């Protein structure tokens, strides 16, 4: 049976001498895998539509396992991401994270919108650090992780100076910080942004300006939380960290 979907290519793998296995995150069906026969040949009609980050409409033959890609119509290639190694690193990490935490053939329109908006904003030149942090925070419930970002995880206080406690799974106020000697102190701006990123509707994103020192706080707490709780070890994140270091040299 032929099926049509709107989606973004989030992973490609070589198969044989000329084929590709293409993973698409689609609006209609969630994450699907399709065989693109001959897609590695330069003159193949499937060559361009099977590239990483390609956003388009795809026609495929449905199967119990891998489907077969028949044709595709490109809506956007996200050219600015492809032409910028730093943007590529951020986008690669985002699609890799999505790929690792989602199940096959499980429709999720919310996740699809989150992915498409995030990739679009990176391509448009919005701050990729902030977009990545927002994406990471919004993926936590998908992983079954629910950090307490509204109040102190020990006493419930909502006012005061806060740290982040990995032991208590969330914010911890200055009155209770002795409960966790390994708490991570946070500025008031970082606390506000962590809360905002967790609940924020990405479609309402405007121009966001965050100081570098606050970005470092956000990156440290979010990455450490993932390391402590998610069980993920993504090569794409290591590559992104290397690119961040390289960016700091310019």
C-alpha atoms as a PDB file:
ATOM      1  CA  UNK A   1       0.000   0.000   0.000  1.00  0.00           C
ATOM      2  CA  UNK A   2       1.335   3.419  -0.960  1.00  0.00           C
ATOM      3  CA  UNK A   3       1.461   6.010   1.832  1.00  0.00           C
ATOM      4  CA  UNK A   4       2.267   9.720   1.726  1.00  0.00           C
ATOM      5  CA  UNK A   5       3.703  11.744   4.569  1.00  0.00           C
ATOM      6  CA  UNK A   6       5.266  15.071   5.436  1.00  0.00           C
ATOM      7  CA  UNK A   7       8.530  14.715   7.260  1.00  0.00           C
ATOM      8  CA  UNK A   8      12.193  15.455   7.891  1.00  0.00           C
ATOM      9  CA  UNK A   9      15.067  13.054   7.225  1.00  0.00           C
ATOM     10  CA  UNK A  10      16.774  12.496  10.593  1.00  0.00           C
ATOM     11  CA  UNK A  11      19.164   9.662   9.729  1.00  0.00           C
ATOM     12  CA  UNK A  12      20.660   7.957   6.675  1.00  0.00           C
ATOM     13  CA  UNK A  13      22.693   4.750   6.411  1.00  0.00           C
ATOM     14  CA  UNK A  14      24.412   3.247   3.412  1.00  0.00           C
ATOM     15  CA  UNK A  15      23.086  -0.128   2.340  1.00  0.00           C
ATOM     16  CA  UNK A  16      24.883  -2.122  -0.301  1.00  0.00           C
ATOM     17  CA  UNK A  17      26.643  -0.391  -3.150  1.00  0.00           C
ATOM     18  CA  UNK A  18      23.945   2.073  -4.154  1.00  0.00           C
ATOM     19  CA  UNK A  19      21.086   2.064  -1.624  1.00  0.00           C
ATOM     20  CA  UNK A  20      20.261   4.006   1.513  1.00  0.00           C
ATOM     21  CA  UNK A  21      18.164   3.272   4.544  1.00  0.00           C
ATOM     22  CA  UNK A  22      16.472   6.573   5.327  1.00  0.00           C
ATOM     23  CA  UNK A  23      14.825   7.395   8.644  1.00  0.00           C
ATOM     24  CA  UNK A  24      12.101  10.028   8.415  1.00  0.00           C
ATOM     25  CA  UNK A  25      10.318  11.671  11.314  1.00  0.00           C
ATOM     26  CA  UNK A  26       6.882  12.317   9.897  1.00  0.00           C
ATOM     27  CA  UNK A  27       3.814  14.221  10.951  1.00  0.00           C
ATOM     28  CA  UNK A  28       1.457  11.349  10.157  1.00  0.00           C
ATOM     29  CA  UNK A  29       3.323   8.211  11.259  1.00  0.00           C
ATOM     30  CA  UNK A  30       6.096   9.329  13.587  1.00  0.00           C
ATOM     31  CA  UNK A  31       9.502   7.745  12.937  1.00  0.00           C
ATOM     32  CA  UNK A  32       9.622   5.464   9.914  1.00  0.00           C
ATOM     33  CA  UNK A  33      12.411   3.682   8.074  1.00  0.00           C
ATOM     34  CA  UNK A  34      12.392   3.310   4.295  1.00  0.00           C
ATOM     35  CA  UNK A  35      14.725   1.797   1.735  1.00  0.00           C
ATOM     36  CA  UNK A  36      15.784   4.280  -0.943  1.00  0.00           C
ATOM     37  CA  UNK A  37      16.988   2.031  -3.742  1.00  0.00           C
ATOM     38  CA  UNK A  38      19.730   3.508  -5.892  1.00  0.00           C
ATOM     39  CA  UNK A  39      19.747   6.745  -3.862  1.00  0.00           C
ATOM     40  CA  UNK A  40      23.551   6.840  -3.733  1.00  0.00           C
ATOM     41  CA  UNK A  41      23.788   7.052  -7.510  1.00  0.00           C
ATOM     42  CA  UNK A  42      24.347  10.690  -8.622  1.00  0.00           C
ATOM     43  CA  UNK A  43      21.583  10.585 -11.217  1.00  0.00           C
ATOM     44  CA  UNK A  44      19.023   8.938  -8.932  1.00  0.00           C
ATOM     45  CA  UNK A  45      15.713  10.747  -8.487  1.00  0.00           C
ATOM     46  CA  UNK A  46      15.940   9.763  -4.805  1.00  0.00           C
ATOM     47  CA  UNK A  47      19.421  11.221  -4.264  1.00  0.00           C
ATOM     48  CA  UNK A  48      18.398  14.729  -3.182  1.00  0.00           C
ATOM     49  CA  UNK A  49      15.270  13.799  -1.210  1.00  0.00           C
ATOM     50  CA  UNK A  50      17.170  11.250   0.883  1.00  0.00           C
ATOM     51  CA  UNK A  51      19.733  13.727   2.254  1.00  0.00           C
ATOM     52  CA  UNK A  52      19.949  14.418   6.001  1.00  0.00           C
ATOM     53  CA  UNK A  53      17.678  17.292   7.190  1.00  0.00           C
ATOM     54  CA  UNK A  54      15.628  17.271   3.967  1.00  0.00           C
ATOM     55  CA  UNK A  55      12.093  18.463   4.683  1.00  0.00           C
ATOM     56  CA  UNK A  56       9.474  17.363   2.216  1.00  0.00           C
ATOM     57  CA  UNK A  57       6.613  15.109   1.187  1.00  0.00           C
ATOM     58  CA  UNK A  58       7.489  11.446   0.778  1.00  0.00           C
ATOM     59  CA  UNK A  59       5.666   8.633  -1.022  1.00  0.00           C
ATOM     60  CA  UNK A  60       6.569   5.154   0.174  1.00  0.00           C
ATOM     61  CA  UNK A  61       5.416   1.566  -0.063  1.00  0.00           C
ATOM     62  CA  UNK A  62       4.277   0.487   3.375  1.00  0.00           C
ATOM     63  CA  UNK A  63       5.602  -2.750   4.848  1.00  0.00           C
ATOM     64  CA  UNK A  64       5.686  -4.542   8.186  1.00  0.00           C
ATOM     65  CA  UNK A  65       9.409  -3.768   8.321  1.00  0.00           C
ATOM     66  CA  UNK A  66      11.222  -1.229   6.190  1.00  0.00           C
ATOM     67  CA  UNK A  67       9.081   0.521   3.644  1.00  0.00           C
ATOM     68  CA  UNK A  68      10.344   1.425   0.179  1.00  0.00           C
ATOM     69  CA  UNK A  69      10.709   5.062  -0.795  1.00  0.00           C
ATOM     70  CA  UNK A  70       9.113   5.673  -4.175  1.00  0.00           C
ATOM     71  CA  UNK A  71       9.510   9.415  -4.597  1.00  0.00           C
ATOM     72  CA  UNK A  72       9.790  12.669  -2.700  1.00  0.00           C
ATOM     73  CA  UNK A  73       9.040  16.337  -3.135  1.00  0.00           C
ATOM     74  CA  UNK A  74      11.442  18.710  -1.385  1.00  0.00           C
ATOM     75  CA  UNK A  75       9.968  21.612   0.592  1.00  0.00           C
ATOM     76  CA  UNK A  76      13.287  22.752   2.073  1.00  0.00           C
ATOM     77  CA  UNK A  77      16.859  21.497   2.191  1.00  0.00           C
ATOM     78  CA  UNK A  78      17.745  23.858   5.077  1.00  0.00           C
ATOM     79  CA  UNK A  79      20.632  25.180   3.044  1.00  0.00           C
ATOM     80  CA  UNK A  80      22.056  27.385   5.805  1.00  0.00           C
ATOM     81  CA  UNK A  81      22.469  24.363   8.083  1.00  0.00           C
ATOM     82  CA  UNK A  82      24.179  22.375   5.344  1.00  0.00           C
ATOM     83  CA  UNK A  83      26.592  25.220   4.592  1.00  0.00           C
ATOM     84  CA  UNK A  84      27.580  25.915   8.208  1.00  0.00           C
ATOM     85  CA  UNK A  85      29.517  23.267  10.139  1.00  0.00           C
ATOM     86  CA  UNK A  86      28.485  24.701  13.509  1.00  0.00           C
ATOM     87  CA  UNK A  87      24.768  24.718  12.613  1.00  0.00           C
ATOM     88  CA  UNK A  88      25.181  21.196  11.248  1.00  0.00           C
ATOM     89  CA  UNK A  89      26.599  20.067  14.611  1.00  0.00           C
ATOM     90  CA  UNK A  90      23.608  21.456  16.527  1.00  0.00           C
ATOM     91  CA  UNK A  91      21.043  20.049  14.089  1.00  0.00           C
ATOM     92  CA  UNK A  92      22.768  16.640  14.071  1.00  0.00           C
ATOM     93  CA  UNK A  93      22.623  16.455  17.855  1.00  0.00           C
ATOM     94  CA  UNK A  94      18.938  17.416  17.879  1.00  0.00           C
ATOM     95  CA  UNK A  95      17.865  14.788  15.348  1.00  0.00           C
ATOM     96  CA  UNK A  96      20.075  12.181  17.015  1.00  0.00           C
ATOM     97  CA  UNK A  97      18.511  12.860  20.412  1.00  0.00           C
ATOM     98  CA  UNK A  98      15.033  12.625  18.905  1.00  0.00           C
ATOM     99  CA  UNK A  99      15.943   9.406  17.114  1.00  0.00           C
ATOM    100  CA  UNK A 100      17.297   7.741  20.255  1.00  0.00           C
ATOM    101  CA  UNK A 101      14.315   8.495  22.500  1.00  0.00           C
ATOM    102  CA  UNK A 102      11.385   7.827  20.149  1.00  0.00           C
ATOM    103  CA  UNK A 103       9.789   4.572  19.093  1.00  0.00           C
ATOM    104  CA  UNK A 104       9.157   3.571  15.491  1.00  0.00           C
ATOM    105  CA  UNK A 105       5.780   4.181  13.870  1.00  0.00           C
ATOM    106  CA  UNK A 106       4.314   6.092  16.796  1.00  0.00           C
ATOM    107  CA  UNK A 107       2.642   9.287  15.652  1.00  0.00           C
ATOM    108  CA  UNK A 108       3.380  12.354  17.784  1.00  0.00           C
ATOM    109  CA  UNK A 109       2.322  15.663  16.159  1.00  0.00           C
ATOM    110  CA  UNK A 110       3.708  17.635  19.110  1.00  0.00           C
ATOM    111  CA  UNK A 111       7.209  16.187  18.675  1.00  0.00           C
ATOM    112  CA  UNK A 112       6.999  16.692  14.934  1.00  0.00           C
ATOM    113  CA  UNK A 113       6.203  20.385  15.386  1.00  0.00           C
ATOM    114  CA  UNK A 114       8.970  20.716  17.985  1.00  0.00           C
ATOM    115  CA  UNK A 115      11.502  19.186  15.596  1.00  0.00           C
ATOM    116  CA  UNK A 116      10.441  21.170  12.528  1.00  0.00           C
ATOM    117  CA  UNK A 117      10.332  24.470  14.428  1.00  0.00           C
ATOM    118  CA  UNK A 118      13.740  23.890  16.027  1.00  0.00           C
ATOM    119  CA  UNK A 119      15.434  22.981  12.737  1.00  0.00           C
ATOM    120  CA  UNK A 120      13.741  25.915  10.987  1.00  0.00           C
ATOM    121  CA  UNK A 121      14.904  28.394  13.630  1.00  0.00           C
ATOM    122  CA  UNK A 122      18.489  27.106  13.487  1.00  0.00           C
ATOM    123  CA  UNK A 123      18.427  27.485   9.713  1.00  0.00           C
ATOM    124  CA  UNK A 124      17.069  31.035  10.101  1.00  0.00           C
ATOM    125  CA  UNK A 125      19.966  32.048  12.335  1.00  0.00           C
ATOM    126  CA  UNK A 126      18.402  32.033  15.810  1.00  0.00           C
ATOM    127  CA  UNK A 127      20.733  31.237  18.694  1.00  0.00           C
ATOM    128  CA  UNK A 128      21.424  27.477  18.375  1.00  0.00           C
ATOM    129  CA  UNK A 129      22.594  27.177  21.991  1.00  0.00           C
ATOM    130  CA  UNK A 130      19.247  28.405  23.295  1.00  0.00           C
ATOM    131  CA  UNK A 131      17.282  26.326  20.790  1.00  0.00           C
ATOM    132  CA  UNK A 132      19.220  23.221  21.787  1.00  0.00           C
ATOM    133  CA  UNK A 133      18.580  23.874  25.487  1.00  0.00           C
ATOM    134  CA  UNK A 134      14.856  24.312  24.848  1.00  0.00           C
ATOM    135  CA  UNK A 135      14.765  21.099  22.819  1.00  0.00           C
ATOM    136  CA  UNK A 136      16.657  19.187  25.520  1.00  0.00           C
ATOM    137  CA  UNK A 137      14.290  20.397  28.247  1.00  0.00           C
ATOM    138  CA  UNK A 138      11.222  19.480  26.218  1.00  0.00           C
ATOM    139  CA  UNK A 139      12.557  16.000  25.511  1.00  0.00           C
ATOM    140  CA  UNK A 140      12.834  15.153  29.214  1.00  0.00           C
ATOM    141  CA  UNK A 141       9.167  14.078  29.646  1.00  0.00           C
ATOM    142  CA  UNK A 142       9.563  11.870  26.554  1.00  0.00           C
ATOM    143  CA  UNK A 143      12.356  10.134  28.461  1.00  0.00           C
ATOM    144  CA  UNK A 144      10.088   9.828  31.491  1.00  0.00           C
ATOM    145  CA  UNK A 145      12.051  12.486  33.378  1.00  0.00           C
ATOM    146  CA  UNK A 146      10.253  15.222  35.307  1.00  0.00           C
ATOM    147  CA  UNK A 147      12.624  17.567  37.145  1.00  0.00           C
ATOM    148  CA  UNK A 148      11.018  19.907  39.645  1.00  0.00           C
ATOM    149  CA  UNK A 149      11.601  23.376  38.185  1.00  0.00           C
ATOM    150  CA  UNK A 150       8.711  25.188  39.870  1.00  0.00           C
ATOM    151  CA  UNK A 151       9.784  25.179  43.522  1.00  0.00           C
ATOM    152  CA  UNK A 152      12.241  23.771  46.009  1.00  0.00           C
ATOM    153  CA  UNK A 153      12.251  19.989  45.714  1.00  0.00           C
ATOM    154  CA  UNK A 154      12.632  19.648  49.509  1.00  0.00           C
ATOM    155  CA  UNK A 155      10.420  22.272  51.157  1.00  0.00           C
ATOM    156  CA  UNK A 156       8.286  23.547  48.264  1.00  0.00           C
ATOM    157  CA  UNK A 157       9.415  27.170  48.608  1.00  0.00           C
ATOM    158  CA  UNK A 158       9.018  29.221  45.422  1.00  0.00           C
ATOM    159  CA  UNK A 159      10.968  32.321  46.429  1.00  0.00           C
ATOM    160  CA  UNK A 160      14.628  32.794  47.203  1.00  0.00           C
ATOM    161  CA  UNK A 161      17.987  31.752  45.801  1.00  0.00           C
ATOM    162  CA  UNK A 162      18.097  28.376  44.114  1.00  0.00           C
ATOM    163  CA  UNK A 163      20.579  25.699  43.147  1.00  0.00           C
ATOM    164  CA  UNK A 164      19.986  22.536  41.165  1.00  0.00           C
ATOM    165  CA  UNK A 165      20.105  19.260  43.034  1.00  0.00           C
ATOM    166  CA  UNK A 166      20.592  16.098  41.003  1.00  0.00           C
ATOM    167  CA  UNK A 167      20.032  14.127  44.201  1.00  0.00           C
ATOM    168  CA  UNK A 168      16.607  15.745  44.731  1.00  0.00           C
ATOM    169  CA  UNK A 169      15.744  15.838  41.001  1.00  0.00           C
ATOM    170  CA  UNK A 170      15.208  19.577  40.704  1.00  0.00           C
ATOM    171  CA  UNK A 171      15.631  23.028  42.178  1.00  0.00           C
ATOM    172  CA  UNK A 172      16.645  23.356  45.803  1.00  0.00           C
ATOM    173  CA  UNK A 173      16.410  26.625  47.740  1.00  0.00           C
ATOM    174  CA  UNK A 174      19.127  28.276  49.823  1.00  0.00           C
ATOM    175  CA  UNK A 175      17.429  27.067  53.010  1.00  0.00           C
ATOM    176  CA  UNK A 176      17.655  23.401  51.960  1.00  0.00           C
ATOM    177  CA  UNK A 177      20.872  23.323  49.952  1.00  0.00           C
ATOM    178  CA  UNK A 178      22.702  21.571  52.781  1.00  0.00           C
ATOM    179  CA  UNK A 179      20.546  18.524  51.993  1.00  0.00           C
ATOM    180  CA  UNK A 180      22.736  18.064  48.915  1.00  0.00           C
ATOM    181  CA  UNK A 181      26.420  18.983  49.292  1.00  0.00           C
ATOM    182  CA  UNK A 182      26.820  18.520  45.528  1.00  0.00           C
ATOM    183  CA  UNK A 183      24.148  21.044  44.531  1.00  0.00           C
ATOM    184  CA  UNK A 184      24.908  23.267  41.540  1.00  0.00           C
ATOM    185  CA  UNK A 185      24.413  26.992  42.310  1.00  0.00           C
ATOM    186  CA  UNK A 186      22.370  28.919  39.741  1.00  0.00           C
ATOM    187  CA  UNK A 187      21.881  32.601  39.028  1.00  0.00           C
ATOM    188  CA  UNK A 188      18.327  33.959  39.112  1.00  0.00           C
ATOM    189  CA  UNK A 189      18.444  34.351  35.309  1.00  0.00           C
ATOM    190  CA  UNK A 190      19.393  30.709  34.827  1.00  0.00           C
ATOM    191  CA  UNK A 191      16.539  29.582  37.097  1.00  0.00           C
ATOM    192  CA  UNK A 192      14.033  31.679  35.138  1.00  0.00           C
ATOM    193  CA  UNK A 193      15.259  30.296  31.821  1.00  0.00           C
ATOM    194  CA  UNK A 194      15.197  26.671  32.962  1.00  0.00           C
ATOM    195  CA  UNK A 195      11.569  27.146  33.973  1.00  0.00           C
ATOM    196  CA  UNK A 196      10.789  28.972  30.734  1.00  0.00           C
ATOM    197  CA  UNK A 197      12.425  26.377  28.498  1.00  0.00           C
ATOM    198  CA  UNK A 198      10.521  23.540  30.169  1.00  0.00           C
ATOM    199  CA  UNK A 199       7.100  25.071  29.559  1.00  0.00           C
ATOM    200  CA  UNK A 200       7.706  27.499  26.658  1.00  0.00           C
ATOM    201  CA  UNK A 201       5.732  27.265  23.408  1.00  0.00           C
ATOM    202  CA  UNK A 202       8.503  27.308  20.815  1.00  0.00           C
ATOM    203  CA  UNK A 203       6.200  28.745  18.145  1.00  0.00           C
ATOM    204  CA  UNK A 204       6.206  31.998  20.163  1.00  0.00           C
ATOM    205  CA  UNK A 205       9.987  32.339  20.036  1.00  0.00           C
ATOM    206  CA  UNK A 206      11.264  35.827  19.318  1.00  0.00           C
ATOM    207  CA  UNK A 207      14.755  37.233  19.438  1.00  0.00           C
ATOM    208  CA  UNK A 208      16.324  35.812  22.586  1.00  0.00           C
ATOM    209  CA  UNK A 209      19.498  37.326  23.989  1.00  0.00           C
ATOM    210  CA  UNK A 210      21.245  35.423  26.772  1.00  0.00           C
ATOM    211  CA  UNK A 211      24.628  36.290  28.262  1.00  0.00           C
ATOM    212  CA  UNK A 212      27.432  33.819  27.675  1.00  0.00           C
ATOM    213  CA  UNK A 213      27.892  33.212  31.397  1.00  0.00           C
ATOM    214  CA  UNK A 214      24.211  32.272  31.717  1.00  0.00           C
ATOM    215  CA  UNK A 215      24.479  30.004  28.666  1.00  0.00           C
ATOM    216  CA  UNK A 216      27.315  28.158  30.374  1.00  0.00           C
ATOM    217  CA  UNK A 217      25.180  27.681  33.503  1.00  0.00           C
ATOM    218  CA  UNK A 218      22.300  26.307  31.435  1.00  0.00           C
ATOM    219  CA  UNK A 219      24.528  24.010  29.421  1.00  0.00           C
ATOM    220  CA  UNK A 220      26.237  22.639  32.534  1.00  0.00           C
ATOM    221  CA  UNK A 221      23.040  21.855  34.450  1.00  0.00           C
ATOM    222  CA  UNK A 222      21.133  20.411  31.478  1.00  0.00           C
ATOM    223  CA  UNK A 223      24.025  18.274  30.249  1.00  0.00           C
ATOM    224  CA  UNK A 224      24.775  17.011  33.762  1.00  0.00           C
ATOM    225  CA  UNK A 225      21.105  16.149  34.253  1.00  0.00           C
ATOM    226  CA  UNK A 226      21.144  14.129  31.021  1.00  0.00           C
ATOM    227  CA  UNK A 227      24.319  12.386  32.112  1.00  0.00           C
ATOM    228  CA  UNK A 228      22.837  11.505  35.512  1.00  0.00           C
ATOM    229  CA  UNK A 229      19.356  10.432  34.454  1.00  0.00           C
ATOM    230  CA  UNK A 230      18.949   9.712  30.734  1.00  0.00           C
ATOM    231  CA  UNK A 231      21.366   6.825  30.199  1.00  0.00           C
ATOM    232  CA  UNK A 232      22.230   8.272  26.774  1.00  0.00           C
ATOM    233  CA  UNK A 233      25.750   8.551  25.382  1.00  0.00           C
ATOM    234  CA  UNK A 234      25.460  10.299  22.021  1.00  0.00           C
ATOM    235  CA  UNK A 235      28.423  10.682  19.688  1.00  0.00           C
ATOM    236  CA  UNK A 236      26.653  13.705  18.220  1.00  0.00           C
ATOM    237  CA  UNK A 237      26.855  15.454  21.586  1.00  0.00           C
ATOM    238  CA  UNK A 238      30.585  14.821  21.846  1.00  0.00           C
ATOM    239  CA  UNK A 239      30.971  16.257  18.343  1.00  0.00           C
ATOM    240  CA  UNK A 240      28.884  19.285  19.326  1.00  0.00           C
ATOM    241  CA  UNK A 241      31.037  19.834  22.409  1.00  0.00           C
ATOM    242  CA  UNK A 242      34.146  19.700  20.212  1.00  0.00           C
ATOM    243  CA  UNK A 243      32.617  22.275  17.879  1.00  0.00           C
ATOM    244  CA  UNK A 244      31.730  24.500  20.843  1.00  0.00           C
ATOM    245  CA  UNK A 245      35.350  24.376  21.931  1.00  0.00           C
ATOM    246  CA  UNK A 246      36.495  25.187  18.402  1.00  0.00           C
ATOM    247  CA  UNK A 247      34.029  28.078  18.194  1.00  0.00           C
ATOM    248  CA  UNK A 248      35.525  29.537  21.359  1.00  0.00           C
ATOM    249  CA  UNK A 249      38.915  29.751  19.650  1.00  0.00           C
ATOM    250  CA  UNK A 250      37.652  32.118  16.953  1.00  0.00           C
END
